[in-house]
């Protein structure tokens, strides 16, 4: 397998007024819809953050609070807006709710309820992380884990592959053993080199209670996604066991040491393409992949492999490369575990809108493909999580494609769905500080998404 790096797409323009960052060279709405429909996923557009909630009353009335001012909504959209207005005040959602619904054909905001309000987004943060990683590294990028030999030591060198499996490690061991045997060596020391990333730290808004269940300390070497404090030593120990099983004597315990630049290359293993890794991260909301990608993205952009370096690049990619407005946008990690993160619903919608533009499909398509589908087993919107299983949302099973987000005191759902009128819509909903049962909050959130889809329970 060869390693490839995709170039950054050229910066898109940001026209004034209610128009957003859709370029004139994209082939138009019809082409965008045809491409997205071919993927069996919805096409959308995004909106600039509106300063206040959608005006009550007639949605065709021109007011400062009405983002569709001067535009007459069709009957289906009028009914959707009315139902959203009724459902957004559901007691289960509490009083801190932000929401936006956008129309891709007219490039306008259909409904905005505190869409510019900065709220804790939980794992919806991964939408920003994935966009930056795919843009900077390229969807064909592969992470390489190496084995080198020098001074009687085999060193396992981590390359930031969070998806390395035991089978991949065994492949490295077999190749290394063959090399040792060819050189007449039967005894070797084993070390691990995870210096690609610095010593793990806590992000702002994290606490030690996250380790190692919610996320492991972020290192450049791990095998089988083990949730342990030191994933690098754990991987080295597994490697040593495989060498021993093949008849090689391992001298002493596995140590951590930086590989000698002059060490002899022995073996290497390359990951699946980044597009596949992002697809998995989005589908199951993998925190460890997200934090690893944040560091890899920082390095590729010439920044330190830290939370600060990574989040700086995320901001730069979103604003400079794609023209996404970042008012009230604050992130401190890549996974969304930080309780100090703040992203408005309107900004999440802007990020999702990028997925619908043909010029970005080659780069960002795996985010679109990876969005969980309502009722899809094995995803974060699956029945095992109790999603889309009540009277207000069951009719939208299989019709909503959205990223989930869940922390204590924060639940989010942002994605794409086809409206009752047959047109695709983009939506983003975030609630903070509701005191209701989390399962009940998610039911209410699913009801909002189903309302956009056109379920009128």
Protein backbone atom coordinates (compact mmCIF):
# COMPACT_ATOMS: atom_id res chain seq x y z
CA UNK A 1 0.00 0.00 0.00
CA UNK A 2 1.19 3.49 -0.77
CA UNK A 3 0.72 6.61 1.28
CA UNK A 4 -0.91 9.57 -0.38
CA UNK A 5 -1.71 13.12 0.68
CA UNK A 6 -4.56 15.06 -0.88
CA UNK A 7 -4.11 18.75 -1.53
CA UNK A 8 -6.24 21.33 0.20
CA UNK A 9 -9.28 22.49 -1.75
CA UNK A 10 -9.18 26.09 -2.80
CA UNK A 11 -10.87 28.53 -0.52
CA UNK A 12 -14.54 29.04 -1.27
CA UNK A 13 -16.11 32.46 -1.45
CA UNK A 14 -18.51 33.79 1.14
CA UNK A 15 -21.06 35.97 -0.63
CA UNK A 16 -22.89 38.58 1.35
CA UNK A 17 -26.42 38.61 2.69
CA UNK A 18 -28.26 35.36 3.35
CA UNK A 19 -26.20 33.51 0.75
CA UNK A 20 -23.55 31.28 2.24
CA UNK A 21 -20.31 29.67 1.06
CA UNK A 22 -21.71 27.75 -1.92
CA UNK A 23 -19.53 28.45 -4.95
CA UNK A 24 -20.78 29.16 -8.44
CA UNK A 25 -18.53 26.47 -9.92
CA UNK A 26 -20.21 23.59 -8.07
CA UNK A 27 -22.58 22.65 -10.88
CA UNK A 28 -25.70 23.97 -9.19
CA UNK A 29 -28.39 22.55 -6.98
CA UNK A 30 -29.50 19.87 -9.44
CA UNK A 31 -26.03 18.38 -9.69
CA UNK A 32 -25.49 18.52 -5.96
CA UNK A 33 -28.77 16.75 -5.33
CA UNK A 34 -28.02 14.11 -7.99
CA UNK A 35 -24.63 13.32 -6.46
CA UNK A 36 -25.93 13.12 -2.92
CA UNK A 37 -28.96 11.06 -3.90
CA UNK A 38 -26.61 8.66 -5.64
CA UNK A 39 -24.98 8.14 -2.25
CA UNK A 40 -28.42 7.49 -0.72
CA UNK A 41 -27.77 10.32 1.71
CA UNK A 42 -29.35 13.76 1.96
CA UNK A 43 -28.09 16.99 0.47
CA UNK A 44 -28.26 20.22 2.45
CA UNK A 45 -27.06 23.76 2.80
CA UNK A 46 -26.09 25.73 5.88
CA UNK A 47 -26.96 29.08 7.40
CA UNK A 48 -25.14 31.96 9.00
CA UNK A 49 -25.94 32.22 12.68
CA UNK A 50 -29.11 34.22 13.22
CA UNK A 51 -29.21 36.50 16.27
CA UNK A 52 -32.58 35.43 17.67
CA UNK A 53 -35.31 32.85 17.58
CA UNK A 54 -37.64 32.46 14.61
CA UNK A 55 -40.43 34.99 14.83
CA UNK A 56 -43.69 33.69 16.26
CA UNK A 57 -46.76 33.87 14.11
CA UNK A 58 -46.91 33.98 10.32
CA UNK A 59 -43.51 32.79 8.95
CA UNK A 60 -43.95 34.90 5.81
CA UNK A 61 -43.94 38.18 7.78
CA UNK A 62 -40.76 40.21 7.31
CA UNK A 63 -39.16 40.90 10.71
CA UNK A 64 -35.61 41.16 12.04
CA UNK A 65 -36.12 37.87 13.87
CA UNK A 66 -37.42 36.02 10.83
CA UNK A 67 -34.56 34.52 8.77
CA UNK A 68 -36.89 33.78 5.86
CA UNK A 69 -38.11 37.34 5.71
CA UNK A 70 -39.81 38.16 2.45
CA UNK A 71 -40.05 34.55 1.34
CA UNK A 72 -43.33 32.65 1.34
CA UNK A 73 -42.95 29.18 2.78
CA UNK A 74 -44.74 26.32 1.10
CA UNK A 75 -47.42 24.50 3.13
CA UNK A 76 -45.13 21.67 4.18
CA UNK A 77 -42.45 24.04 5.45
CA UNK A 78 -45.06 26.17 7.22
CA UNK A 79 -46.35 23.11 9.02
CA UNK A 80 -42.83 21.96 9.88
CA UNK A 81 -42.02 25.37 11.36
CA UNK A 82 -45.23 25.37 13.40
CA UNK A 83 -44.52 21.88 14.73
CA UNK A 84 -40.95 22.77 15.59
CA UNK A 85 -42.15 25.84 17.46
CA UNK A 86 -44.45 23.60 19.50
CA UNK A 87 -41.93 20.82 20.10
CA UNK A 88 -38.90 22.95 20.93
CA UNK A 89 -40.62 24.08 24.15
CA UNK A 90 -41.00 20.46 25.28
CA UNK A 91 -40.23 20.44 29.01
CA UNK A 92 -37.83 17.53 28.50
CA UNK A 93 -35.50 19.81 26.50
CA UNK A 94 -35.31 22.47 29.18
CA UNK A 95 -34.83 26.16 28.47
CA UNK A 96 -31.34 26.20 26.89
CA UNK A 97 -31.96 24.94 23.37
CA UNK A 98 -30.45 26.03 20.07
CA UNK A 99 -31.75 24.84 16.74
CA UNK A 100 -31.50 25.58 13.02
CA UNK A 101 -33.17 24.11 9.93
CA UNK A 102 -31.92 25.02 6.47
CA UNK A 103 -33.27 24.67 2.94
CA UNK A 104 -30.61 23.65 0.39
CA UNK A 105 -32.59 24.67 -2.71
CA UNK A 106 -33.22 28.26 -1.67
CA UNK A 107 -30.05 28.55 0.43
CA UNK A 108 -32.03 30.05 3.30
CA UNK A 109 -32.73 29.39 6.94
CA UNK A 110 -36.23 27.96 7.41
CA UNK A 111 -36.20 27.98 11.20
CA UNK A 112 -33.85 29.38 13.82
CA UNK A 113 -34.27 29.05 17.56
CA UNK A 114 -31.29 30.63 19.31
CA UNK A 115 -29.08 29.29 16.53
CA UNK A 116 -26.18 31.67 17.31
CA UNK A 117 -26.13 30.79 21.01
CA UNK A 118 -22.89 29.11 22.11
CA UNK A 119 -23.72 25.74 23.68
CA UNK A 120 -21.80 22.66 24.79
CA UNK A 121 -21.91 20.46 21.64
CA UNK A 122 -20.59 17.15 23.06
CA UNK A 123 -19.57 14.75 20.26
CA UNK A 124 -20.92 17.01 17.52
CA UNK A 125 -17.42 18.49 17.87
CA UNK A 126 -16.21 15.49 15.85
CA UNK A 127 -17.78 17.02 12.74
CA UNK A 128 -15.21 19.81 12.93
CA UNK A 129 -12.35 17.43 13.74
CA UNK A 130 -13.16 15.15 10.82
CA UNK A 131 -13.43 18.06 8.39
CA UNK A 132 -10.01 19.37 9.36
CA UNK A 133 -8.32 15.95 9.32
CA UNK A 134 -9.62 15.03 5.87
CA UNK A 135 -8.71 18.44 4.50
CA UNK A 136 -5.16 18.61 5.85
CA UNK A 137 -4.14 14.94 5.63
CA UNK A 138 -6.30 13.91 2.70
CA UNK A 139 -8.81 11.02 2.58
CA UNK A 140 -6.20 8.61 1.16
CA UNK A 141 -3.67 9.20 3.93
CA UNK A 142 -2.50 6.06 5.74
CA UNK A 143 -0.79 5.87 9.13
CA UNK A 144 2.38 3.78 9.30
CA UNK A 145 3.60 1.70 12.25
CA UNK A 146 7.25 0.64 11.87
CA UNK A 147 9.74 -1.77 13.40
CA UNK A 148 13.43 -0.85 13.31
CA UNK A 149 16.53 -2.61 14.63
CA UNK A 150 19.66 -1.19 16.22
CA UNK A 151 22.03 -1.98 19.07
CA UNK A 152 20.38 -5.30 19.81
CA UNK A 153 16.91 -3.74 20.12
CA UNK A 154 13.76 -4.03 18.05
CA UNK A 155 11.84 -0.77 18.40
CA UNK A 156 8.13 -0.54 17.61
CA UNK A 157 7.59 2.99 16.30
CA UNK A 158 4.08 4.44 16.58
CA UNK A 159 2.79 6.49 13.68
CA UNK A 160 -0.57 7.55 15.08
CA UNK A 161 -2.59 4.56 13.87
CA UNK A 162 -5.39 4.27 16.38
CA UNK A 163 -6.85 1.35 14.40
CA UNK A 164 -3.82 -1.00 14.55
CA UNK A 165 -5.09 -4.51 15.32
CA UNK A 166 -3.51 -7.58 16.86
CA UNK A 167 -3.44 -9.08 13.39
CA UNK A 168 -1.48 -6.11 12.09
CA UNK A 169 0.93 -6.35 15.00
CA UNK A 170 1.37 -10.08 14.32
CA UNK A 171 2.26 -9.26 10.72
CA UNK A 172 4.95 -6.90 11.95
CA UNK A 173 6.26 -9.56 14.33
CA UNK A 174 6.44 -12.23 11.61
CA UNK A 175 8.41 -9.96 9.34
CA UNK A 176 10.73 -8.97 12.19
CA UNK A 177 11.33 -12.59 13.19
CA UNK A 178 12.21 -13.50 9.60
CA UNK A 179 14.75 -10.68 9.55
CA UNK A 180 16.28 -11.72 12.85
CA UNK A 181 16.57 -15.31 11.72
CA UNK A 182 18.21 -14.26 8.46
CA UNK A 183 20.77 -12.31 10.50
CA UNK A 184 21.33 -15.25 12.86
CA UNK A 185 19.90 -13.41 15.87
CA UNK A 186 17.89 -15.27 18.51
CA UNK A 187 17.81 -12.74 21.35
CA UNK A 188 16.62 -9.14 21.25
CA UNK A 189 15.47 -6.32 23.47
CA UNK A 190 12.12 -4.62 22.73
CA UNK A 191 11.35 -0.92 23.01
CA UNK A 192 8.52 1.35 21.93
CA UNK A 193 8.89 4.79 20.42
CA UNK A 194 5.75 6.93 20.71
CA UNK A 195 7.58 10.24 20.47
CA UNK A 196 5.47 11.36 17.51
CA UNK A 197 3.08 12.77 20.12
CA UNK A 198 4.13 14.45 23.34
CA UNK A 199 3.40 13.14 26.81
CA UNK A 200 -0.39 12.87 27.28
CA UNK A 201 -2.14 15.73 29.06
CA UNK A 202 -5.70 16.60 30.00
CA UNK A 203 -7.57 19.01 27.76
CA UNK A 204 -9.26 22.00 29.30
CA UNK A 205 -12.65 20.75 30.43
CA UNK A 206 -11.43 17.16 30.97
CA UNK A 207 -10.98 15.34 34.25
CA UNK A 208 -9.05 12.21 35.19
CA UNK A 209 -12.34 10.34 35.49
CA UNK A 210 -12.39 10.12 31.69
CA UNK A 211 -9.38 7.75 31.78
CA UNK A 212 -9.41 5.12 30.44
CA UNK A 213 -13.09 4.33 29.78
CA UNK A 214 -14.27 7.44 27.93
CA UNK A 215 -10.87 8.06 26.36
CA UNK A 216 -7.35 6.74 26.85
CA UNK A 217 -4.34 9.04 27.33
CA UNK A 218 -3.50 10.07 23.77
CA UNK A 219 -0.39 8.28 22.48
CA UNK A 220 0.97 7.50 19.01
CA UNK A 221 0.92 3.72 19.53
CA UNK A 222 -1.97 1.42 20.48
CA UNK A 223 -3.19 -2.05 19.55
CA UNK A 224 -6.78 -3.28 19.34
CA UNK A 225 -8.00 0.01 20.79
CA UNK A 226 -7.07 -1.09 24.30
CA UNK A 227 -8.35 1.36 26.87
CA UNK A 228 -5.36 1.39 29.20
CA UNK A 229 -3.26 4.11 30.78
CA UNK A 230 -0.16 3.36 28.68
CA UNK A 231 -1.24 2.09 25.28
CA UNK A 232 2.33 2.19 23.92
CA UNK A 233 3.88 -0.13 26.51
CA UNK A 234 0.79 -2.33 26.19
CA UNK A 235 1.38 -2.63 22.43
CA UNK A 236 5.08 -3.30 22.98
CA UNK A 237 4.31 -6.07 25.42
CA UNK A 238 1.91 -7.68 22.93
CA UNK A 239 4.64 -7.43 20.28
CA UNK A 240 7.17 -9.05 22.63
CA UNK A 241 4.80 -11.93 23.33
CA UNK A 242 4.43 -12.57 19.62
CA UNK A 243 8.22 -12.61 19.20
CA UNK A 244 8.55 -15.07 22.08
CA UNK A 245 5.87 -17.32 20.59
CA UNK A 246 7.92 -17.41 17.38
CA UNK A 247 11.01 -18.61 19.22
CA UNK A 248 12.84 -15.31 19.76
CA UNK A 249 14.13 -14.62 23.27
CA UNK A 250 13.12 -11.18 24.53
CA UNK A 251 15.73 -9.82 26.92
CA UNK A 252 14.17 -7.90 29.79
CA UNK A 253 11.05 -5.76 30.02
CA UNK A 254 9.67 -3.56 27.26
CA UNK A 255 11.00 -0.02 27.59
CA UNK A 256 10.20 3.35 26.06
CA UNK A 257 13.00 4.81 23.98
CA UNK A 258 13.31 6.96 20.88
CA UNK A 259 14.56 4.96 17.90
CA UNK A 260 18.07 5.68 16.69
CA UNK A 261 17.92 7.61 13.38
CA UNK A 262 20.39 5.11 11.98
CA UNK A 263 18.38 2.05 12.98
CA UNK A 264 17.70 -0.47 10.22
CA UNK A 265 14.09 -0.63 8.92
CA UNK A 266 12.67 -4.10 9.54
CA UNK A 267 8.92 -3.99 8.96
CA UNK A 268 6.03 -1.61 8.52
CA UNK A 269 2.24 -1.78 8.63
CA UNK A 270 -0.05 0.76 6.99
CA UNK A 271 -3.55 1.59 8.17
CA UNK A 272 -6.70 1.72 6.11
CA UNK A 273 -7.22 5.07 4.33
CA UNK A 274 -8.17 7.99 6.53
CA UNK A 275 -11.59 8.08 4.85
CA UNK A 276 -12.37 4.65 6.34
CA UNK A 277 -11.10 5.69 9.75
CA UNK A 278 -13.22 8.86 9.75
CA UNK A 279 -16.25 6.83 8.65
CA UNK A 280 -15.83 4.61 11.72
CA UNK A 281 -15.19 7.55 14.04
CA UNK A 282 -18.39 9.29 12.98
CA UNK A 283 -20.54 6.15 12.92
CA UNK A 284 -19.74 5.01 16.47
CA UNK A 285 -18.47 8.34 17.85
CA UNK A 286 -15.01 7.03 18.76
CA UNK A 287 -13.33 9.50 21.14
CA UNK A 288 -9.88 7.91 20.84
CA UNK A 289 -9.80 8.14 17.07
CA UNK A 290 -10.91 11.77 17.26
CA UNK A 291 -8.13 12.78 19.64
CA UNK A 292 -5.50 10.90 17.63
CA UNK A 293 -6.66 12.58 14.42
CA UNK A 294 -6.52 15.99 16.11
CA UNK A 295 -2.81 15.48 16.80
CA UNK A 296 -2.02 14.01 13.41
CA UNK A 297 -3.76 16.97 11.77
CA UNK A 298 -1.74 19.41 13.85
CA UNK A 299 1.55 17.76 12.84
CA UNK A 300 0.62 17.73 9.16
CA UNK A 301 -0.08 21.45 9.36
CA UNK A 302 3.24 22.18 11.06
CA UNK A 303 1.79 22.65 14.55
CA UNK A 304 2.64 20.83 17.80
CA UNK A 305 0.80 17.54 18.36
CA UNK A 306 -1.21 18.95 21.25
CA UNK A 307 -4.81 19.87 21.99
CA UNK A 308 -3.90 23.51 21.40
CA UNK A 309 -2.07 22.83 18.14
CA UNK A 310 -4.87 20.66 16.82
CA UNK A 311 -7.73 22.97 17.68
CA UNK A 312 -5.86 25.90 16.15
CA UNK A 313 -5.69 24.00 12.85
CA UNK A 314 -9.39 23.05 13.06
CA UNK A 315 -10.30 26.71 13.39
CA UNK A 316 -8.01 27.69 10.53
CA UNK A 317 -9.37 25.04 8.19
CA UNK A 318 -13.01 25.87 8.90
CA UNK A 319 -12.61 29.63 8.59
CA UNK A 320 -9.87 30.07 5.98
CA UNK A 321 -10.44 27.07 3.73
CA UNK A 322 -14.21 26.83 3.90
CA UNK A 323 -15.44 30.23 5.05
CA UNK A 324 -17.36 28.87 8.05
CA UNK A 325 -18.12 31.73 10.47
CA UNK A 326 -16.66 30.98 13.90
CA UNK A 327 -18.48 33.49 16.09
CA UNK A 328 -18.91 31.97 19.57
CA UNK A 329 -16.97 28.86 18.46
CA UNK A 330 -14.67 27.50 21.19
CA UNK A 331 -13.16 24.00 21.24
CA UNK A 332 -10.44 22.47 23.41
CA UNK A 333 -10.34 18.91 22.10
CA UNK A 334 -11.21 16.79 19.09
CA UNK A 335 -13.76 14.44 20.60
CA UNK A 336 -16.18 16.81 22.30
CA UNK A 337 -15.54 15.45 25.79
CA UNK A 338 -14.46 18.88 26.99
CA UNK A 339 -17.12 20.61 29.02
CA UNK A 340 -15.54 23.92 28.03
CA UNK A 341 -16.35 23.48 24.32
CA UNK A 342 -18.97 25.79 22.83
CA UNK A 343 -20.40 25.64 19.30
CA UNK A 344 -23.63 27.30 18.08
CA UNK A 345 -26.15 25.15 16.23
CA UNK A 346 -25.80 27.44 13.21
CA UNK A 347 -22.07 26.70 12.99
CA UNK A 348 -22.68 22.95 13.03
CA UNK A 349 -25.10 23.49 10.16
CA UNK A 350 -22.41 25.40 8.25
CA UNK A 351 -20.05 22.45 8.63
CA UNK A 352 -22.69 19.98 7.49
CA UNK A 353 -23.44 22.14 4.45
CA UNK A 354 -19.93 21.51 3.16
CA UNK A 355 -20.83 17.85 2.69
CA UNK A 356 -23.36 18.71 0.02
CA UNK A 357 -21.02 20.55 -2.35
CA UNK A 358 -19.67 18.38 -5.19
CA UNK A 359 -16.29 20.10 -5.13
CA UNK A 360 -15.76 18.80 -1.59
CA UNK A 361 -17.25 15.33 -2.00
CA UNK A 362 -13.93 13.63 -2.76
CA UNK A 363 -12.42 15.09 0.39
CA UNK A 364 -15.31 15.06 2.87
CA UNK A 365 -17.51 12.26 1.55
CA UNK A 366 -16.62 9.87 4.37
CA UNK A 367 -18.20 12.21 6.92
CA UNK A 368 -21.46 12.13 4.98
CA UNK A 369 -21.28 8.36 4.54
CA UNK A 370 -20.43 7.87 8.20
CA UNK A 371 -23.37 9.78 9.67
CA UNK A 372 -25.46 7.32 11.72
CA UNK A 373 -28.89 6.56 10.26
CA UNK A 374 -31.96 6.58 12.48
CA UNK A 375 -32.61 3.02 13.62
CA UNK A 376 -29.28 1.70 12.27
CA UNK A 377 -27.98 -1.05 14.55
CA UNK A 378 -24.32 -0.68 15.43
CA UNK A 379 -24.40 3.11 15.20
CA UNK A 380 -25.11 5.74 17.84
CA UNK A 381 -28.64 6.09 16.43
CA UNK A 382 -29.34 2.38 16.73
CA UNK A 383 -32.20 0.69 18.60
CA UNK A 384 -29.73 -0.51 21.23
CA UNK A 385 -29.50 3.12 22.30
CA UNK A 386 -33.27 3.63 22.30
CA UNK A 387 -33.25 6.05 19.38
CA UNK A 388 -36.20 6.84 17.12
CA UNK A 389 -38.43 4.35 18.92
CA UNK A 390 -41.37 6.41 20.20
CA UNK A 391 -44.58 7.70 18.63
CA UNK A 392 -43.07 11.05 17.63
CA UNK A 393 -40.02 9.65 15.85
CA UNK A 394 -40.63 6.05 14.78
CA UNK A 395 -41.90 7.15 11.37
CA UNK A 396 -38.46 8.64 10.62
CA UNK A 397 -36.53 5.38 11.02
CA UNK A 398 -34.09 5.02 8.14
CA UNK A 399 -34.66 8.62 7.02
CA UNK A 400 -32.47 10.74 9.30
CA UNK A 401 -28.67 10.87 8.94
CA UNK A 402 -27.16 12.64 11.93
CA UNK A 403 -24.27 12.92 14.37
CA UNK A 404 -25.16 12.39 17.99
CA UNK A 405 -23.65 14.06 21.03
CA UNK A 406 -24.08 13.13 24.68
CA UNK A 407 -22.51 14.46 27.87
CA UNK A 408 -23.99 15.02 31.28
CA UNK A 409 -25.93 18.23 30.77
CA UNK A 410 -25.56 18.32 26.98
CA UNK A 411 -27.28 16.42 24.18
CA UNK A 412 -26.97 17.29 20.49
CA UNK A 413 -28.22 15.94 17.17
CA UNK A 414 -27.15 17.46 13.85
CA UNK A 415 -27.61 16.10 10.38
CA UNK A 416 -29.59 15.77 7.18
CA UNK A 417 -33.02 14.47 6.25
CA UNK A 418 -35.59 14.67 3.49
CA UNK A 419 -38.62 16.80 4.32
CA UNK A 420 -42.26 15.94 3.76
CA UNK A 421 -42.09 17.98 0.55
CA UNK A 422 -39.39 15.63 -0.77
CA UNK A 423 -36.66 18.27 -0.46
CA UNK A 424 -33.52 17.78 1.60
CA UNK A 425 -32.97 19.79 4.77
CA UNK A 426 -30.05 20.27 7.14
CA UNK A 427 -30.65 20.64 10.87
CA UNK A 428 -28.74 21.09 14.11
CA UNK A 429 -30.19 20.85 17.62
CA UNK A 430 -28.35 21.29 20.94
CA UNK A 431 -29.72 21.35 24.47
CA UNK A 432 -27.82 22.13 27.67
CA UNK A 433 -28.68 21.75 31.34
CA UNK A 434 -32.00 19.93 31.07
CA UNK A 435 -32.81 18.05 34.27
CA UNK A 436 -34.90 15.41 32.50
CA UNK A 437 -33.84 11.80 32.12
CA UNK A 438 -31.25 11.57 29.29
CA UNK A 439 -33.36 8.96 27.49
CA UNK A 440 -36.33 11.29 27.56
CA UNK A 441 -34.22 14.17 26.25
CA UNK A 442 -33.02 12.03 23.35
CA UNK A 443 -36.61 11.07 22.55
CA UNK A 444 -37.48 14.77 22.38
CA UNK A 445 -34.45 15.43 20.17
CA UNK A 446 -35.40 12.57 17.86
CA UNK A 447 -38.86 14.10 17.68
CA UNK A 448 -37.38 17.37 16.44
CA UNK A 449 -35.43 15.59 13.72
CA UNK A 450 -38.51 13.58 12.76
CA UNK A 451 -40.44 16.83 12.52
CA UNK A 452 -37.94 18.10 9.96
CA UNK A 453 -38.42 14.84 8.10
CA UNK A 454 -42.19 15.48 8.02
CA UNK A 455 -43.53 13.19 10.75
CA UNK A 456 -46.65 14.82 12.10
CA UNK A 457 -47.56 12.67 15.11
